[in-house]
Every structure is written in structure tokens, then in C-alpha cells.
Protein backbone atom coordinates (compact mmCIF):
# COMPACT_ATOMS: atom_id res chain seq x y z
CA MET A 1 0.03 0.08 -0.14
CA ASN A 2 1.43 3.48 -1.02
CA LYS A 3 1.44 6.62 0.85
CA ASN A 4 -1.48 8.10 -1.06
CA ASP A 5 -3.76 5.16 -0.51
CA GLN A 6 -2.84 5.13 3.43
CA ASP A 7 -3.42 8.88 3.53
CA PHE A 8 -6.93 8.35 1.91
CA LEU A 9 -7.84 5.45 4.19
CA VAL A 10 -6.77 7.41 7.42
CA GLN A 11 -8.71 10.43 6.18
CA LYS A 12 -11.95 8.12 5.46
CA ILE A 13 -11.99 6.61 8.80
CA ARG A 14 -11.18 9.76 10.65
CA THR A 15 -13.97 11.32 9.02
CA GLN A 16 -16.19 8.60 10.77
CA TYR A 17 -15.24 10.02 14.21
CA THR A 18 -15.65 13.63 13.50
CA GLU A 19 -18.63 15.94 14.00
CA LYS A 20 -20.21 16.82 10.76
CA GLU A 21 -21.25 20.43 10.73
CA HIS A 22 -25.13 20.72 9.97
CA THR A 23 -25.60 22.76 6.65
CA ASP A 24 -28.70 23.73 4.83
CA LEU A 25 -28.34 21.30 2.19
CA ASP A 26 -28.67 18.78 4.84
CA ALA A 27 -31.64 20.12 6.01
CA LEU A 28 -33.11 20.15 2.47
CA ARG A 29 -32.12 16.24 2.09
CA ALA A 30 -34.04 15.79 5.28
CA LEU A 31 -37.39 17.56 4.17
CA ASP A 32 -37.19 15.84 1.01
CA ALA A 33 -36.97 12.66 2.72
CA ARG A 34 -39.74 13.59 4.81
CA VAL A 35 -41.94 14.11 2.02
CA LYS A 36 -41.17 10.66 0.04
CA ARG A 37 -40.87 8.57 2.96
CA PRO A 38 -44.59 7.84 3.90
CA ALA A 39 -45.59 7.40 0.20
CA ASN A 40 -42.51 4.69 -0.31
CA VAL A 41 -43.43 3.08 2.76
CA PHE A 42 -47.00 2.62 2.08
CA ALA A 43 -46.06 1.59 -1.48
CA TYR A 44 -43.65 -1.14 -0.30
CA ILE A 45 -45.95 -2.45 2.13
CA PHE A 46 -49.08 -2.43 0.16
CA GLY A 47 -47.41 -3.81 -2.82
CA SER A 48 -46.14 -6.75 -0.60
CA VAL A 49 -49.46 -7.42 0.79
CA SER A 50 -50.85 -7.40 -2.49
CA ALA A 51 -48.52 -9.75 -4.09
CA ILE A 52 -48.98 -12.14 -1.43
CA ILE A 53 -52.88 -12.02 -1.71
CA MET A 54 -52.70 -12.44 -5.43
CA GLY A 55 -49.88 -15.51 -4.96
CA ALA A 56 -52.39 -17.11 -2.35
CA GLY A 57 -55.24 -17.31 -5.14
CA MET A 58 -53.04 -18.61 -7.63
CA SER A 59 -51.89 -21.35 -4.77
CA LEU A 60 -55.54 -22.17 -4.59
CA VAL A 61 -55.95 -22.50 -8.24
CA MET A 62 -52.66 -24.66 -9.14
CA THR A 63 -52.12 -26.70 -6.24
CA ASP A 64 -53.78 -29.24 -4.00
CA ILE A 65 -53.61 -26.97 -0.78
CA ALA A 66 -57.35 -26.47 -0.99
CA GLU A 67 -58.04 -29.85 -0.59
CA THR A 68 -56.03 -29.74 2.52
CA VAL A 69 -57.80 -26.59 3.86
CA GLY A 70 -61.07 -28.17 3.06
CA ILE A 71 -62.27 -25.94 0.45
CA GLY A 72 -64.65 -27.72 -2.21
CA ASN A 73 -64.10 -25.61 -5.24
CA PRO A 74 -60.80 -23.99 -5.09
CA MET A 75 -60.91 -22.60 -8.78
CA VAL A 76 -63.71 -19.87 -7.99
CA TYR A 77 -62.34 -18.98 -4.56
CA GLY A 78 -58.80 -18.92 -6.21
CA ILE A 79 -59.85 -16.65 -9.21
CA ILE A 80 -61.60 -14.36 -6.59
CA ILE A 81 -58.68 -13.96 -4.44
CA GLY A 82 -56.24 -13.69 -7.03
CA ILE A 83 -58.20 -10.85 -8.79
CA ALA A 84 -58.58 -8.87 -5.40
CA GLY A 85 -54.79 -9.19 -5.01
CA MET A 86 -54.24 -8.15 -8.75
CA LEU A 87 -56.50 -5.08 -8.29
CA MET A 88 -54.84 -4.02 -4.98
CA ALA A 89 -51.39 -4.19 -7.08
CA ILE A 90 -52.90 -2.11 -9.83
CA ILE A 91 -54.25 0.65 -7.58
CA ASN A 92 -50.89 0.63 -5.59
CA TYR A 93 -49.06 3.19 -8.03
CA PRO A 94 -52.03 5.77 -8.05
CA VAL A 95 -52.47 5.77 -4.35
CA TYR A 96 -48.72 6.25 -4.04
CA LYS A 97 -48.94 9.17 -6.55
CA ARG A 98 -51.58 10.74 -4.39
CA ILE A 99 -49.70 10.40 -1.05
CA LEU A 100 -46.57 11.97 -2.73
CA SER A 101 -48.58 14.62 -4.15
CA LEU A 102 -50.26 15.66 -1.01
CA ARG A 103 -47.13 15.60 0.73
CA ARG A 104 -45.47 17.86 -1.94
CA LYS A 105 -48.19 20.49 -1.62
CA LYS A 106 -47.96 20.31 2.14
CA TYR A 107 -44.02 20.99 2.06
CA ALA A 108 -43.77 22.88 -1.33
CA GLY A 109 -43.25 26.31 0.69
CA GLN A 110 -40.48 24.93 3.15
CA ILE A 111 -38.71 23.38 0.51
CA ILE A 112 -38.73 26.22 -2.03
CA ALA A 113 -37.53 28.82 0.59
CA LEU A 114 -34.92 26.73 1.86
CA SER A 115 -33.53 25.79 -1.68
CA GLU A 116 -33.50 29.37 -2.66
CA LYS A 117 -31.87 30.29 0.48
CA ILE A 118 -29.11 27.57 -0.56
CA SER A 119 -28.91 28.81 -4.26
CA LYS A 120 -28.36 32.42 -3.50
CA GLY A 121 -25.52 31.54 -0.83
């Protein structure tokens, strides 16, 4: 390892233990994350649940799980459950966009004011 590599590694480790100065850019990033995080969390959770529901319907149709559980006509129930999961997956993106739009409207004034402050220096 040459001297430049050692200096870089030392500086990298050192920055992990020094206090960071909080800037307006950090505040802007935090505010942007505050706007996007609820919409992202909703989309990931709702999308995962809808995929599981759709998969459960597919499992009823394509496997013999229905016989084990005691469902007489698994095709009908499987199709209904699968379509319900599919509809949930379809509406996931519009609901995500709506949540994000509402959050952007709520925080637009703060973000614009802070970004203008940063750009003006």
C-alpha cells in the first residue's frame, strides 16, 4: 500500500469519528426525505401484501392446498382472491402518487424557501 492510499484510508476513517457540520443542504435533504418516506413505505407494504394475496389465489388454483384446507371448489375462490390481489396491485401506484402529491403540496413552501436560500448563498 503506497502513501497516498494510506492517507486516503486514514482520512476516510477519521471522518467517521469527527462531528459533521449541519448545513442547509442537509436540512433540505431531510425535508425531501420527510416528503417521500410515507409514500414509499405505503407503496412497499401495500404492494407486498397485494402480491401475497394474489399469490395465495394462484396457489389455490394451481395446487392441492385447497383439498388440505377443505375448500370444495378451489378454482372459484382462487380466481376471486387472485383478482382481488391483482386489483390491489393495480391501484398501488395511483395511491402512491396521490400520497406523494399531497405531501409535496404540504411541504412545498418550506422546500422552495430553503432551496432559494441555498442557491443564493
